[in-house]
């Protein structure tokens, strides 16, 4: 039996989760809600984007 389809499913599900969470982020921004952070992964976070105190955004890797 060929299990390559299972390996192919991992990035597909990852992309689906990313698009789903991005939908939450964009909807909150559209509704005028202040978004402090956007991240993927259960704690510990894999990757995230956080607002800098001085303005702008920074990328966070592995709970950085």
PDB file of N, CA and C in Angstrom:
ATOM      1  N   UNK A   1       0.847  -1.187   0.000  1.00  0.00           N
ATOM      2  CA  UNK A   1       0.000   0.000   0.000  1.00  0.00           C
ATOM      3  C   UNK A   1       0.892   1.250   0.000  1.00  0.00           C
ATOM      4  N   UNK A   2       0.496   2.235  -0.774  1.00  0.00           N
ATOM      5  CA  UNK A   2       1.259   3.466  -0.920  1.00  0.00           C
ATOM      6  C   UNK A   2       0.795   4.507   0.106  1.00  0.00           C
ATOM      7  N   UNK A   3       1.726   4.976   0.948  1.00  0.00           N
ATOM      8  CA  UNK A   3       1.378   5.933   1.993  1.00  0.00           C
ATOM      9  C   UNK A   3       1.816   7.356   1.661  1.00  0.00           C
ATOM     10  N   UNK A   4       2.228   7.608   0.432  1.00  0.00           N
ATOM     11  CA  UNK A   4       2.661   8.953   0.050  1.00  0.00           C
ATOM     12  C   UNK A   4       1.522   9.959   0.180  1.00  0.00           C
ATOM     13  N   UNK A   5       0.270   9.513   0.001  1.00  0.00           N
ATOM     14  CA  UNK A   5      -0.855  10.434   0.114  1.00  0.00           C
ATOM     15  C   UNK A   5      -0.973  10.975   1.535  1.00  0.00           C
ATOM     16  N   UNK A   6      -0.544  10.212   2.532  1.00  0.00           N
ATOM     17  CA  UNK A   6      -0.562  10.722   3.909  1.00  0.00           C
ATOM     18  C   UNK A   6       0.453  11.851   4.076  1.00  0.00           C
ATOM     19  N   UNK A   7       1.630  11.704   3.484  1.00  0.00           N
ATOM     20  CA  UNK A   7       2.626  12.776   3.540  1.00  0.00           C
ATOM     21  C   UNK A   7       2.153  14.011   2.779  1.00  0.00           C
ATOM     22  N   UNK A   8       1.435  13.810   1.704  1.00  0.00           N
ATOM     23  CA  UNK A   8       0.906  14.930   0.929  1.00  0.00           C
ATOM     24  C   UNK A   8      -0.217  15.639   1.689  1.00  0.00           C
ATOM     25  N   UNK A   9      -0.928  14.931   2.547  1.00  0.00           N
ATOM     26  CA  UNK A   9      -2.046  15.522   3.279  1.00  0.00           C
ATOM     27  C   UNK A   9      -1.577  16.498   4.354  1.00  0.00           C
ATOM     28  N   UNK A  10      -0.381  16.324   4.887  1.00  0.00           N
ATOM     29  CA  UNK A  10       0.102  17.189   5.968  1.00  0.00           C
ATOM     30  C   UNK A  10       0.196  18.644   5.514  1.00  0.00           C
ATOM     31  N   UNK A  11       0.878  18.972   4.405  1.00  0.00           N
ATOM     32  CA  UNK A  11       0.909  20.380   3.998  1.00  0.00           C
ATOM     33  C   UNK A  11      -0.454  20.914   3.560  1.00  0.00           C
ATOM     34  N   UNK A  12      -1.292  20.035   3.009  1.00  0.00           N
ATOM     35  CA  UNK A  12      -2.633  20.474   2.604  1.00  0.00           C
ATOM     36  C   UNK A  12      -3.435  20.887   3.829  1.00  0.00           C
ATOM     37  N   UNK A  13      -3.419  20.090   4.873  1.00  0.00           N
ATOM     38  CA  UNK A  13      -4.134  20.457   6.100  1.00  0.00           C
ATOM     39  C   UNK A  13      -3.512  21.680   6.752  1.00  0.00           C
ATOM     40  N   UNK A  14      -2.192  21.793   6.686  1.00  0.00           N
ATOM     41  CA  UNK A  14      -1.525  22.982   7.215  1.00  0.00           C
ATOM     42  C   UNK A  14      -1.990  24.242   6.500  1.00  0.00           C
ATOM     43  N   UNK A  15      -2.100  24.171   5.185  1.00  0.00           N
ATOM     44  CA  UNK A  15      -2.586  25.312   4.411  1.00  0.00           C
ATOM     45  C   UNK A  15      -4.031  25.640   4.760  1.00  0.00           C
ATOM     46  N   UNK A  16      -4.849  24.622   4.934  1.00  0.00           N
ATOM     47  CA  UNK A  16      -6.242  24.860   5.320  1.00  0.00           C
ATOM     48  C   UNK A  16      -6.351  25.543   6.680  1.00  0.00           C
ATOM     49  N   UNK A  17      -5.543  25.113   7.637  1.00  0.00           N
ATOM     50  CA  UNK A  17      -5.553  25.730   8.962  1.00  0.00           C
ATOM     51  C   UNK A  17      -5.086  27.185   8.866  1.00  0.00           C
ATOM     52  N   UNK A  18      -4.030  27.431   8.065  1.00  0.00           N
ATOM     53  CA  UNK A  18      -3.533  28.787   7.900  1.00  0.00           C
ATOM     54  C   UNK A  18      -4.606  29.706   7.310  1.00  0.00           C
ATOM     55  N   UNK A  19      -5.279  29.254   6.262  1.00  0.00           N
ATOM     56  CA  UNK A  19      -6.324  30.063   5.629  1.00  0.00           C
ATOM     57  C   UNK A  19      -7.480  30.295   6.600  1.00  0.00           C
ATOM     58  N   UNK A  20      -7.844  29.300   7.372  1.00  0.00           N
ATOM     59  CA  UNK A  20      -8.919  29.432   8.362  1.00  0.00           C
ATOM     60  C   UNK A  20      -8.567  30.491   9.405  1.00  0.00           C
ATOM     61  N   UNK A  21      -7.370  30.397   9.964  1.00  0.00           N
ATOM     62  CA  UNK A  21      -6.951  31.359  10.989  1.00  0.00           C
ATOM     63  C   UNK A  21      -6.751  32.752  10.401  1.00  0.00           C
ATOM     64  N   UNK A  22      -6.280  32.831   9.168  1.00  0.00           N
ATOM     65  CA  UNK A  22      -6.152  34.123   8.499  1.00  0.00           C
ATOM     66  C   UNK A  22      -7.524  34.766   8.328  1.00  0.00           C
ATOM     67  N   UNK A  23      -8.545  33.958   8.109  1.00  0.00           N
ATOM     68  CA  UNK A  23      -9.915  34.470   8.038  1.00  0.00           C
ATOM     69  C   UNK A  23     -10.335  35.115   9.341  1.00  0.00           C
ATOM     70  N   UNK A  24     -10.000  34.501  10.475  1.00  0.00           N
ATOM     71  CA  UNK A  24     -10.292  35.110  11.776  1.00  0.00           C
ATOM     72  C   UNK A  24      -9.570  36.447  11.917  1.00  0.00           C
ATOM     73  N   UNK A  25      -8.299  36.467  11.534  1.00  0.00           N
ATOM     74  CA  UNK A  25      -7.474  37.674  11.639  1.00  0.00           C
ATOM     75  C   UNK A  25      -8.045  38.804  10.791  1.00  0.00           C
ATOM     76  N   UNK A  26      -8.327  38.518   9.529  1.00  0.00           N
ATOM     77  CA  UNK A  26      -8.822  39.555   8.627  1.00  0.00           C
ATOM     78  C   UNK A  26     -10.216  40.042   9.011  1.00  0.00           C
ATOM     79  N   UNK A  27     -11.062  39.145   9.484  1.00  0.00           N
ATOM     80  CA  UNK A  27     -12.389  39.551   9.935  1.00  0.00           C
ATOM     81  C   UNK A  27     -12.312  40.462  11.140  1.00  0.00           C
ATOM     82  N   UNK A  28     -11.421  40.162  12.068  1.00  0.00           N
ATOM     83  CA  UNK A  28     -11.245  41.018  13.241  1.00  0.00           C
ATOM     84  C   UNK A  28     -10.733  42.390  12.826  1.00  0.00           C
ATOM     85  N   UNK A  29      -9.754  42.432  11.915  1.00  0.00           N
ATOM     86  CA  UNK A  29      -9.241  43.714  11.429  1.00  0.00           C
ATOM     87  C   UNK A  29     -10.348  44.502  10.730  1.00  0.00           C
ATOM     88  N   UNK A  30     -11.148  43.836   9.926  1.00  0.00           N
ATOM     89  CA  UNK A  30     -12.249  44.470   9.196  1.00  0.00           C
ATOM     90  C   UNK A  30     -13.289  45.034  10.159  1.00  0.00           C
ATOM     91  N   UNK A  31     -13.515  44.328  11.274  1.00  0.00           N
ATOM     92  CA  UNK A  31     -14.507  44.761  12.255  1.00  0.00           C
ATOM     93  C   UNK A  31     -13.964  45.844  13.188  1.00  0.00           C
ATOM     94  N   UNK A  32     -12.691  46.206  13.023  1.00  0.00           N
ATOM     95  CA  UNK A  32     -12.116  47.254  13.848  1.00  0.00           C
ATOM     96  C   UNK A  32     -11.595  46.782  15.189  1.00  0.00           C
ATOM     97  N   UNK A  33     -11.434  45.481  15.348  1.00  0.00           N
ATOM     98  CA  UNK A  33     -10.907  44.938  16.593  1.00  0.00           C
ATOM     99  C   UNK A  33      -9.390  44.985  16.541  1.00  0.00           C
ATOM    100  N   UNK A  34      -8.765  45.463  17.608  1.00  0.00           N
ATOM    101  CA  UNK A  34      -7.309  45.533  17.657  1.00  0.00           C
ATOM    102  C   UNK A  34      -6.740  44.121  17.813  1.00  0.00           C
ATOM    103  N   UNK A  35      -5.904  43.755  16.887  1.00  0.00           N
ATOM    104  CA  UNK A  35      -5.293  42.427  16.891  1.00  0.00           C
ATOM    105  C   UNK A  35      -3.864  42.567  17.391  1.00  0.00           C
ATOM    106  N   UNK A  36      -3.556  41.904  18.479  1.00  0.00           N
ATOM    107  CA  UNK A  36      -2.217  41.965  19.062  1.00  0.00           C
ATOM    108  C   UNK A  36      -1.273  40.950  18.443  1.00  0.00           C
ATOM    109  N   UNK A  37      -1.826  39.778  18.033  1.00  0.00           N
ATOM    110  CA  UNK A  37      -0.954  38.693  17.596  1.00  0.00           C
ATOM    111  C   UNK A  37      -1.716  37.738  16.699  1.00  0.00           C
ATOM    112  N   UNK A  38      -1.008  37.181  15.732  1.00  0.00           N
ATOM    113  CA  UNK A  38      -1.535  36.134  14.862  1.00  0.00           C
ATOM    114  C   UNK A  38      -0.534  34.999  14.880  1.00  0.00           C
ATOM    115  N   UNK A  39      -0.959  33.800  15.218  1.00  0.00           N
ATOM    116  CA  UNK A  39      -0.008  32.702  15.324  1.00  0.00           C
ATOM    117  C   UNK A  39      -0.596  31.378  14.882  1.00  0.00           C
ATOM    118  N   UNK A  40       0.279  30.454  14.559  1.00  0.00           N
ATOM    119  CA  UNK A  40      -0.104  29.095  14.183  1.00  0.00           C
ATOM    120  C   UNK A  40       0.575  28.109  15.111  1.00  0.00           C
ATOM    121  N   UNK A  41      -0.123  27.060  15.441  1.00  0.00           N
ATOM    122  CA  UNK A  41       0.430  26.014  16.295  1.00  0.00           C
ATOM    123  C   UNK A  41      -0.126  26.123  17.706  1.00  0.00           C
ATOM    124  N   UNK A  42      -0.304  24.986  18.318  1.00  0.00           N
ATOM    125  CA  UNK A  42      -0.698  24.978  19.723  1.00  0.00           C
ATOM    126  C   UNK A  42       0.503  25.406  20.544  1.00  0.00           C
ATOM    127  N   UNK A  43       0.298  25.890  21.758  1.00  0.00           N
ATOM    128  CA  UNK A  43       1.481  26.242  22.548  1.00  0.00           C
ATOM    129  C   UNK A  43       2.383  25.028  22.680  1.00  0.00           C
ATOM    130  N   UNK A  44       3.627  25.107  22.388  1.00  0.00           N
ATOM    131  CA  UNK A  44       4.358  26.297  21.965  1.00  0.00           C
ATOM    132  C   UNK A  44       4.037  26.651  20.513  1.00  0.00           C
ATOM    133  N   UNK A  45       3.950  27.942  20.262  1.00  0.00           N
ATOM    134  CA  UNK A  45       3.613  28.461  18.940  1.00  0.00           C
ATOM    135  C   UNK A  45       4.731  28.101  17.951  1.00  0.00           C
ATOM    136  N   UNK A  46       4.366  27.756  16.725  1.00  0.00           N
ATOM    137  CA  UNK A  46       5.338  27.457  15.678  1.00  0.00           C
ATOM    138  C   UNK A  46       5.812  28.761  15.044  1.00  0.00           C
ATOM    139  N   UNK A  47       4.872  29.566  14.600  1.00  0.00           N
ATOM    140  CA  UNK A  47       5.199  30.861  14.001  1.00  0.00           C
ATOM    141  C   UNK A  47       4.060  31.822  14.309  1.00  0.00           C
ATOM    142  N   UNK A  48       4.408  33.067  14.486  1.00  0.00           N
ATOM    143  CA  UNK A  48       3.393  34.069  14.772  1.00  0.00           C
ATOM    144  C   UNK A  48       3.846  35.443  14.317  1.00  0.00           C
ATOM    145  N   UNK A  49       2.907  36.367  14.298  1.00  0.00           N
ATOM    146  CA  UNK A  49       3.183  37.756  13.965  1.00  0.00           C
ATOM    147  C   UNK A  49       2.628  38.590  15.106  1.00  0.00           C
ATOM    148  N   UNK A  50       3.457  39.470  15.664  1.00  0.00           N
ATOM    149  CA  UNK A  50       3.056  40.268  16.818  1.00  0.00           C
ATOM    150  C   UNK A  50       3.298  41.743  16.516  1.00  0.00           C
ATOM    151  N   UNK A  51       2.389  42.595  17.018  1.00  0.00           N
ATOM    152  CA  UNK A  51       2.524  44.032  16.843  1.00  0.00           C
ATOM    153  C   UNK A  51       3.647  44.554  17.730  1.00  0.00           C
ATOM    154  N   UNK A  52       4.530  45.372  17.170  1.00  0.00           N
ATOM    155  CA  UNK A  52       5.612  45.984  17.940  1.00  0.00           C
ATOM    156  C   UNK A  52       5.073  47.187  18.711  1.00  0.00           C
ATOM    157  N   UNK A  53       5.590  47.431  19.896  1.00  0.00           N
ATOM    158  CA  UNK A  53       5.122  48.595  20.678  1.00  0.00           C
ATOM    159  C   UNK A  53       5.340  49.921  19.947  1.00  0.00           C
ATOM    160  N   UNK A  54       6.415  50.031  19.170  1.00  0.00           N
ATOM    161  CA  UNK A  54       6.695  51.266  18.456  1.00  0.00           C
ATOM    162  C   UNK A  54       6.009  51.368  17.108  1.00  0.00           C
ATOM    163  N   UNK A  55       5.248  50.360  16.735  1.00  0.00           N
ATOM    164  CA  UNK A  55       4.571  50.332  15.441  1.00  0.00           C
ATOM    165  C   UNK A  55       5.129  49.241  14.555  1.00  0.00           C
ATOM    166  N   UNK A  56       4.334  48.760  13.661  1.00  0.00           N
ATOM    167  CA  UNK A  56       4.745  47.690  12.757  1.00  0.00           C
ATOM    168  C   UNK A  56       4.517  46.314  13.362  1.00  0.00           C
ATOM    169  N   UNK A  57       5.000  45.306  12.661  1.00  0.00           N
ATOM    170  CA  UNK A  57       4.799  43.914  13.060  1.00  0.00           C
ATOM    171  C   UNK A  57       6.136  43.191  13.077  1.00  0.00           C
ATOM    172  N   UNK A  58       6.254  42.135  13.892  1.00  0.00           N
ATOM    173  CA  UNK A  58       7.437  41.300  13.925  1.00  0.00           C
ATOM    174  C   UNK A  58       7.041  39.836  13.856  1.00  0.00           C
ATOM    175  N   UNK A  59       7.870  39.029  13.218  1.00  0.00           N
ATOM    176  CA  UNK A  59       7.626  37.594  13.088  1.00  0.00           C
ATOM    177  C   UNK A  59       8.263  36.900  14.294  1.00  0.00           C
ATOM    178  N   UNK A  60       7.525  35.974  14.874  1.00  0.00           N
ATOM    179  CA  UNK A  60       7.991  35.239  16.051  1.00  0.00           C
ATOM    180  C   UNK A  60       8.085  33.759  15.672  1.00  0.00           C
ATOM    181  N   UNK A  61       9.227  33.139  15.957  1.00  0.00           N
ATOM    182  CA  UNK A  61       9.408  31.708  15.691  1.00  0.00           C
ATOM    183  C   UNK A  61       9.533  30.962  17.019  1.00  0.00           C
ATOM    184  N   UNK A  62       8.784  29.910  17.184  1.00  0.00           N
ATOM    185  CA  UNK A  62       8.881  28.996  18.330  1.00  0.00           C
ATOM    186  C   UNK A  62       8.883  29.746  19.665  1.00  0.00           C
ATOM    187  N   UNK A  63       7.825  30.474  19.942  1.00  0.00           N
ATOM    188  CA  UNK A  63       7.626  31.198  21.225  1.00  0.00           C
ATOM    189  C   UNK A  63       8.693  32.236  21.494  1.00  0.00           C
ATOM    190  N   UNK A  64       9.306  32.801  20.489  1.00  0.00           N
ATOM    191  CA  UNK A  64      10.370  33.794  20.656  1.00  0.00           C
ATOM    192  C   UNK A  64       9.876  34.989  21.249  1.00  0.00           C
TER     193      UNK A  64
END
